[in-house]
C-alpha atoms as a PDB file:
ATOM      1  CA  UNK A   1      -6.228  -0.422  27.301  1.00  0.00           C
ATOM      2  CA  UNK A   2      -6.530   2.662  25.118  1.00  0.00           C
ATOM      3  CA  UNK A   3      -5.767   3.327  21.486  1.00  0.00           C
ATOM      4  CA  UNK A   4      -3.170   5.958  20.647  1.00  0.00           C
ATOM      5  CA  UNK A   5      -4.553   8.768  18.442  1.00  0.00           C
ATOM      6  CA  UNK A   6      -1.650   8.226  16.045  1.00  0.00           C
ATOM      7  CA  UNK A   7      -2.776   4.614  15.570  1.00  0.00           C
ATOM      8  CA  UNK A   8      -6.208   5.750  14.368  1.00  0.00           C
ATOM      9  CA  UNK A   9      -4.747   8.466  12.146  1.00  0.00           C
ATOM     10  CA  UNK A  10      -2.205   6.101  10.580  1.00  0.00           C
ATOM     11  CA  UNK A  11      -4.967   3.609   9.799  1.00  0.00           C
ATOM     12  CA  UNK A  12      -7.025   6.372   8.141  1.00  0.00           C
ATOM     13  CA  UNK A  13      -3.992   7.335   6.035  1.00  0.00           C
ATOM     14  CA  UNK A  14      -3.768   3.721   4.829  1.00  0.00           C
ATOM     15  CA  UNK A  15      -7.505   3.523   4.161  1.00  0.00           C
ATOM     16  CA  UNK A  16      -8.156   6.902   2.528  1.00  0.00           C
ATOM     17  CA  UNK A  17      -4.874   8.180   1.138  1.00  0.00           C
ATOM     18  CA  UNK A  18      -3.101   4.881   0.395  1.00  0.00           C
ATOM     19  CA  UNK A  19       0.172   6.245   1.811  1.00  0.00           C
ATOM     20  CA  UNK A  20       0.902   2.961   3.619  1.00  0.00           C
ATOM     21  CA  UNK A  21       0.794  -0.616   2.323  1.00  0.00           C
ATOM     22  CA  UNK A  22       0.680  -1.884   5.898  1.00  0.00           C
ATOM     23  CA  UNK A  23       0.775  -0.773   9.521  1.00  0.00           C
ATOM     24  CA  UNK A  24       2.037  -2.883  12.417  1.00  0.00           C
ATOM     25  CA  UNK A  25       0.724  -2.057  15.875  1.00  0.00           C
ATOM     26  CA  UNK A  26       1.991  -3.143  19.270  1.00  0.00           C
ATOM     27  CA  UNK A  27       0.600  -2.932  22.769  1.00  0.00           C
ATOM     28  CA  UNK A  28       2.694  -0.536  24.830  1.00  0.00           C
ATOM     29  CA  UNK A  29       2.207  -1.876  28.345  1.00  0.00           C
ATOM     30  CA  UNK A  30       3.732   1.175  30.060  1.00  0.00           C
ATOM     31  CA  UNK A  31       1.459   3.622  28.233  1.00  0.00           C
ATOM     32  CA  UNK A  32      -1.417   1.110  28.299  1.00  0.00           C
ATOM     33  CA  UNK A  33      -2.123   1.921  24.664  1.00  0.00           C
ATOM     34  CA  UNK A  34      -1.964   0.347  21.226  1.00  0.00           C
ATOM     35  CA  UNK A  35       0.690   2.266  19.280  1.00  0.00           C
ATOM     36  CA  UNK A  36       2.151   2.208  15.753  1.00  0.00           C
ATOM     37  CA  UNK A  37       5.359   0.194  15.584  1.00  0.00           C
ATOM     38  CA  UNK A  38       6.041   0.325  11.848  1.00  0.00           C
ATOM     39  CA  UNK A  39       4.536   1.368   8.537  1.00  0.00           C
ATOM     40  CA  UNK A  40       5.344   0.149   5.052  1.00  0.00           C
ATOM     41  CA  UNK A  41       5.189   2.381   1.986  1.00  0.00           C
ATOM     42  CA  UNK A  42       2.877   1.695  -0.977  1.00  0.00           C
ATOM     43  CA  UNK A  43       5.683   0.034  -2.965  1.00  0.00           C
ATOM     44  CA  UNK A  44       6.429  -2.526  -0.249  1.00  0.00           C
ATOM     45  CA  UNK A  45       5.371  -6.113  -0.855  1.00  0.00           C
ATOM     46  CA  UNK A  46       3.513  -8.670   1.192  1.00  0.00           C
ATOM     47  CA  UNK A  47       6.849 -10.379   1.863  1.00  0.00           C
ATOM     48  CA  UNK A  48       8.203  -7.116   3.336  1.00  0.00           C
ATOM     49  CA  UNK A  49       5.145  -6.985   5.555  1.00  0.00           C
ATOM     50  CA  UNK A  50       5.402 -10.615   6.710  1.00  0.00           C
ATOM     51  CA  UNK A  51       9.118 -10.181   7.438  1.00  0.00           C
ATOM     52  CA  UNK A  52       8.299  -7.214   9.701  1.00  0.00           C
ATOM     53  CA  UNK A  53       6.269  -9.302  12.128  1.00  0.00           C
ATOM     54  CA  UNK A  54       8.302 -10.620  15.074  1.00  0.00           C
ATOM     55  CA  UNK A  55       8.885 -14.348  15.110  1.00  0.00           C
ATOM     56  CA  UNK A  56       7.968 -14.828  18.766  1.00  0.00           C
ATOM     57  CA  UNK A  57       5.879 -11.871  19.891  1.00  0.00           C
ATOM     58  CA  UNK A  58       2.317 -10.783  19.220  1.00  0.00           C
ATOM     59  CA  UNK A  59       1.224  -7.840  17.068  1.00  0.00           C
ATOM     60  CA  UNK A  60      -1.801  -6.419  15.325  1.00  0.00           C
ATOM     61  CA  UNK A  61      -1.451  -5.397  11.711  1.00  0.00           C
ATOM     62  CA  UNK A  62      -3.449  -4.053   8.815  1.00  0.00           C
ATOM     63  CA  UNK A  63      -2.527  -4.801   5.228  1.00  0.00           C
ATOM     64  CA  UNK A  64      -3.986  -3.135   2.145  1.00  0.00           C
ATOM     65  CA  UNK A  65      -4.307  -5.970  -0.355  1.00  0.00           C
ATOM     66  CA  UNK A  66      -4.603  -5.026  -4.041  1.00  0.00           C
ATOM     67  CA  UNK A  67      -5.879  -7.583  -6.513  1.00  0.00           C
ATOM     68  CA  UNK A  68      -7.606  -7.919  -9.872  1.00  0.00           C
ATOM     69  CA  UNK A  69     -11.039  -9.546 -10.019  1.00  0.00           C
ATOM     70  CA  UNK A  70     -12.098 -12.129 -12.601  1.00  0.00           C
ATOM     71  CA  UNK A  71     -13.839  -9.239 -14.432  1.00  0.00           C
ATOM     72  CA  UNK A  72     -10.413  -7.541 -14.619  1.00  0.00           C
ATOM     73  CA  UNK A  73     -11.274  -4.811 -12.096  1.00  0.00           C
ATOM     74  CA  UNK A  74      -8.603  -3.435  -9.762  1.00  0.00           C
ATOM     75  CA  UNK A  75      -9.790  -3.842  -6.159  1.00  0.00           C
ATOM     76  CA  UNK A  76      -8.382  -3.289  -2.703  1.00  0.00           C
ATOM     77  CA  UNK A  77      -9.363  -4.936   0.588  1.00  0.00           C
ATOM     78  CA  UNK A  78      -8.043  -4.110   4.044  1.00  0.00           C
ATOM     79  CA  UNK A  79      -7.121  -7.066   6.222  1.00  0.00           C
ATOM     80  CA  UNK A  80      -6.777  -6.906   9.999  1.00  0.00           C
ATOM     81  CA  UNK A  81      -4.325  -9.545  11.177  1.00  0.00           C
ATOM     82  CA  UNK A  82      -3.997 -10.606  14.797  1.00  0.00           C
ATOM     83  CA  UNK A  83      -0.508 -12.131  14.883  1.00  0.00           C
ATOM     84  CA  UNK A  84      -0.085 -14.408  17.887  1.00  0.00           C
ATOM     85  CA  UNK A  85       2.690 -16.949  17.232  1.00  0.00           C
ATOM     86  CA  UNK A  86       2.635 -20.075  19.347  1.00  0.00           C
ATOM     87  CA  UNK A  87       6.183 -19.263  20.523  1.00  0.00           C
ATOM     88  CA  UNK A  88       5.184 -15.960  22.137  1.00  0.00           C
ATOM     89  CA  UNK A  89       4.822 -15.598  25.898  1.00  0.00           C
ATOM     90  CA  UNK A  90       1.499 -16.596  27.470  1.00  0.00           C
ATOM     91  CA  UNK A  91       1.203 -13.109  28.991  1.00  0.00           C
ATOM     92  CA  UNK A  92       1.579 -11.475  25.565  1.00  0.00           C
ATOM     93  CA  UNK A  93      -1.013 -13.796  24.020  1.00  0.00           C
ATOM     94  CA  UNK A  94      -3.484 -12.990  26.794  1.00  0.00           C
ATOM     95  CA  UNK A  95      -2.833  -9.247  26.576  1.00  0.00           C
ATOM     96  CA  UNK A  96      -3.343  -9.160  22.805  1.00  0.00           C
ATOM     97  CA  UNK A  97      -6.392 -11.430  22.981  1.00  0.00           C
ATOM     98  CA  UNK A  98      -8.139  -9.244  25.568  1.00  0.00           C
ATOM     99  CA  UNK A  99      -7.299  -5.976  23.770  1.00  0.00           C
ATOM    100  CA  UNK A 100      -8.165  -7.119  20.243  1.00  0.00           C
ATOM    101  CA  UNK A 101     -11.912  -6.406  20.088  1.00  0.00           C
ATOM    102  CA  UNK A 102     -11.611  -2.906  21.510  1.00  0.00           C
ATOM    103  CA  UNK A 103      -8.783  -2.030  19.131  1.00  0.00           C
ATOM    104  CA  UNK A 104     -10.455  -3.653  16.126  1.00  0.00           C
ATOM    105  CA  UNK A 105     -13.595  -1.536  16.684  1.00  0.00           C
ATOM    106  CA  UNK A 106     -11.490   1.624  16.295  1.00  0.00           C
ATOM    107  CA  UNK A 107     -10.460   0.625  12.767  1.00  0.00           C
ATOM    108  CA  UNK A 108     -13.499   1.496  10.701  1.00  0.00           C
ATOM    109  CA  UNK A 109     -13.122   0.120   7.194  1.00  0.00           C
ATOM    110  CA  UNK A 110     -11.490  -3.269   7.723  1.00  0.00           C
ATOM    111  CA  UNK A 111     -12.946  -5.848   5.324  1.00  0.00           C
ATOM    112  CA  UNK A 112     -11.535  -9.108   6.696  1.00  0.00           C
ATOM    113  CA  UNK A 113      -9.938 -10.367   9.879  1.00  0.00           C
ATOM    114  CA  UNK A 114      -7.377 -13.137  10.185  1.00  0.00           C
ATOM    115  CA  UNK A 115      -6.088 -14.751  13.373  1.00  0.00           C
ATOM    116  CA  UNK A 116      -2.648 -16.230  12.706  1.00  0.00           C
ATOM    117  CA  UNK A 117      -0.407 -18.304  14.961  1.00  0.00           C
ATOM    118  CA  UNK A 118       2.129 -19.136  12.243  1.00  0.00           C
ATOM    119  CA  UNK A 119       2.997 -17.665   8.810  1.00  0.00           C
ATOM    120  CA  UNK A 120       1.041 -20.282   6.832  1.00  0.00           C
ATOM    121  CA  UNK A 121      -2.226 -19.036   8.361  1.00  0.00           C
ATOM    122  CA  UNK A 122      -1.736 -15.608   6.804  1.00  0.00           C
ATOM    123  CA  UNK A 123       0.174 -16.231   3.599  1.00  0.00           C
ATOM    124  CA  UNK A 124      -0.765 -14.442   0.400  1.00  0.00           C
ATOM    125  CA  UNK A 125      -2.968 -17.307  -0.803  1.00  0.00           C
ATOM    126  CA  UNK A 126      -5.126 -17.007   2.314  1.00  0.00           C
ATOM    127  CA  UNK A 127      -5.667 -13.288   1.613  1.00  0.00           C
ATOM    128  CA  UNK A 128      -6.325 -13.959  -2.060  1.00  0.00           C
ATOM    129  CA  UNK A 129      -8.934 -16.628  -1.236  1.00  0.00           C
ATOM    130  CA  UNK A 130     -10.682 -14.361   1.259  1.00  0.00           C
ATOM    131  CA  UNK A 131     -10.716 -11.300  -1.002  1.00  0.00           C
ATOM    132  CA  UNK A 132     -12.257 -13.027  -4.032  1.00  0.00           C
END
């Protein structure tokens, strides 16, 4: 399973230029590649991001999480989220599980990784706890 060049470029835009708040990736079985499904602009919220993930299908996503430290410094951490809801098909779960490491290696600059099978495993509090 390959990684579409656009997927790498879109991640770099999020990381370096901050033009995206998040990027959602999907495995395109016909192309045998991980491709960009959706991006969210810098003004979009975490709720917008969470609402963009399908309820019963797997996805990979990166989210640029901004926060303020206890010393009052503005920081940003990039989260890689492997979204694999329990309601998705077994085949999809297997496909995403076997492709994850290869894809994740292509994204240089991710700070934290979260594996989520339901929304509570990746809510904003989870990110906040990890980032601090």
